[in-house]
Amino acid sequence: MARTQDAGNAAEALAAQHLEAHGLHIRARNVRRPWGELDLVAQEHDTLVLVEVRKRSHPGFGGAAASIDRGKRQRLLRAAEAYLQEQDWRGPVRFDVIAVDGSNHVEWLQDAIQAEPS
């Protein structure tokens, strides 16, 4: 478990560096709520970017975006809703996914998670 957590923390740090190198400002890390966790919260101009970081040690495990199932998406959306209310955020919001593979290659998927229609 500790190795998995260490790998996840390293992936999140790498993802944050990648975002900062592309001009985003990291506002928060590991925002935990009872319903889920936001790995990174960044800001790009007037847009709040909520980032799910996925560590994929082997490509055979599937793509990062595909690894976010319906349940995970719902937990992310609920955590995001709570965070946005707490921050009284009224601007645009985007959900991105950053995948980090076993060789620390970063793939940034912008606007990768959308709310499901009601």
Protein backbone atom coordinates (compact mmCIF):
# COMPACT_ATOMS: atom_id res chain seq x y z
CA MET A 1 0.00 0.00 0.00
CA ALA A 2 2.78 2.44 0.89
CA ARG A 3 4.45 1.88 -2.48
CA THR A 4 1.16 2.55 -4.29
CA GLN A 5 0.63 5.72 -2.26
CA ASP A 6 4.23 6.84 -2.86
CA ALA A 7 3.80 6.24 -6.60
CA GLY A 8 0.54 8.20 -6.53
CA ASN A 9 2.15 11.10 -4.66
CA ALA A 10 5.05 11.15 -7.12
CA ALA A 11 2.61 11.14 -10.05
CA GLU A 12 0.67 14.04 -8.52
CA ALA A 13 3.88 16.02 -8.00
CA LEU A 14 4.90 15.38 -11.62
CA ALA A 15 1.43 16.38 -12.82
CA ALA A 16 1.58 19.62 -10.82
CA GLN A 17 5.00 20.44 -12.30
CA HIS A 18 3.64 19.76 -15.78
CA LEU A 19 0.68 22.07 -15.26
CA GLU A 20 2.86 24.83 -13.80
CA ALA A 21 5.25 24.52 -16.76
CA HIS A 22 2.23 25.19 -18.98
CA GLY A 23 1.27 28.33 -17.08
CA LEU A 24 -1.36 27.03 -14.67
CA HIS A 25 -1.34 28.03 -11.01
CA ILE A 26 -1.84 25.19 -8.49
CA ARG A 27 -4.43 26.36 -5.96
CA ALA A 28 -4.82 23.16 -3.92
CA ARG A 29 -3.73 19.53 -3.69
CA ASN A 30 -5.57 16.50 -2.36
CA VAL A 31 -8.84 18.23 -1.58
CA ARG A 32 -10.68 15.57 0.40
CA ARG A 33 -14.40 15.58 0.97
CA PRO A 34 -16.62 12.78 2.32
CA TRP A 35 -17.68 11.91 -1.24
CA GLY A 36 -14.32 11.91 -2.97
CA GLU A 37 -11.02 13.65 -3.56
CA LEU A 38 -9.76 16.19 -6.05
CA ASP A 39 -6.09 15.43 -6.72
CA LEU A 40 -5.19 18.90 -7.96
CA VAL A 41 -7.03 22.17 -8.29
CA ALA A 42 -5.40 24.58 -10.71
CA GLN A 43 -6.30 27.81 -12.38
CA GLU A 44 -5.75 28.70 -16.01
CA HIS A 45 -6.66 32.35 -16.58
CA ASP A 46 -10.32 32.57 -15.48
CA THR A 47 -10.95 28.80 -15.57
CA LEU A 48 -10.73 26.54 -12.55
CA VAL A 49 -9.20 23.23 -13.59
CA LEU A 50 -9.99 20.18 -11.46
CA VAL A 51 -7.45 17.45 -12.18
CA GLU A 52 -7.63 13.72 -11.65
CA VAL A 53 -4.15 12.17 -11.75
CA ARG A 54 -3.88 8.55 -12.85
CA LYS A 55 -0.70 6.51 -12.46
CA ARG A 56 -0.64 3.73 -15.04
CA SER A 57 2.33 1.43 -14.52
CA HIS A 58 1.59 -0.66 -17.60
CA PRO A 59 -0.27 0.24 -20.83
CA GLY A 60 -2.08 -3.09 -20.70
CA PHE A 61 -4.19 -1.74 -17.83
CA GLY A 62 -6.02 0.62 -20.22
CA GLY A 63 -6.05 4.33 -20.73
CA ALA A 64 -6.27 6.84 -17.94
CA ALA A 65 -9.58 8.37 -18.98
CA ALA A 66 -11.08 4.91 -19.47
CA SER A 67 -10.07 4.00 -15.92
CA ILE A 68 -12.52 6.57 -14.55
CA ASP A 69 -15.74 4.62 -14.27
CA ARG A 70 -19.19 5.97 -13.54
CA GLY A 71 -18.77 5.64 -9.77
CA LYS A 72 -15.46 7.50 -9.78
CA ARG A 73 -16.94 10.21 -12.00
CA GLN A 74 -19.85 10.66 -9.59
CA ARG A 75 -17.49 10.91 -6.59
CA LEU A 76 -15.37 13.50 -8.42
CA LEU A 77 -18.41 15.55 -9.37
CA ARG A 78 -19.75 15.51 -5.80
CA ALA A 79 -16.38 16.52 -4.35
CA ALA A 80 -16.11 19.24 -6.99
CA GLU A 81 -19.58 20.56 -6.20
CA ALA A 82 -18.72 20.86 -2.51
CA TYR A 83 -15.38 22.54 -3.25
CA LEU A 84 -16.93 25.02 -5.68
CA GLN A 85 -19.60 25.97 -3.15
CA GLU A 86 -17.02 26.40 -0.38
CA GLN A 87 -14.89 28.62 -2.62
CA ASP A 88 -17.95 30.45 -4.00
CA TRP A 89 -16.48 29.90 -7.48
CA ARG A 90 -18.66 31.40 -10.22
CA GLY A 91 -16.32 31.14 -13.22
CA PRO A 92 -15.82 28.39 -15.77
CA VAL A 93 -14.72 24.94 -14.58
CA ARG A 94 -13.01 22.13 -16.47
CA PHE A 95 -12.14 18.56 -15.47
CA ASP A 96 -8.81 17.30 -16.80
CA VAL A 97 -7.05 13.98 -16.44
CA ILE A 98 -3.30 13.62 -16.27
CA ALA A 99 -1.91 10.16 -16.87
CA VAL A 100 1.60 9.30 -15.77
CA ASP A 101 3.00 6.04 -17.11
CA GLY A 102 5.70 3.76 -15.73
CA SER A 103 8.47 5.82 -17.36
CA ASN A 104 7.01 9.08 -15.99
CA HIS A 105 5.68 10.20 -19.37
CA VAL A 106 2.85 12.69 -18.80
CA GLU A 107 -0.29 12.73 -20.93
CA TRP A 108 -2.64 15.67 -20.30
CA LEU A 109 -6.25 15.14 -21.36
CA GLN A 110 -8.10 18.43 -21.15
CA ASP A 111 -11.85 18.54 -20.56
CA ALA A 112 -11.81 14.75 -20.16
CA ILE A 113 -14.62 14.37 -17.62
CA GLN A 114 -18.10 15.73 -18.09
CA ALA A 115 -21.14 15.57 -15.89
CA GLU A 116 -23.65 13.00 -17.03
CA PRO A 117 -26.93 14.38 -18.34
CA SER A 118 -29.79 14.25 -15.83
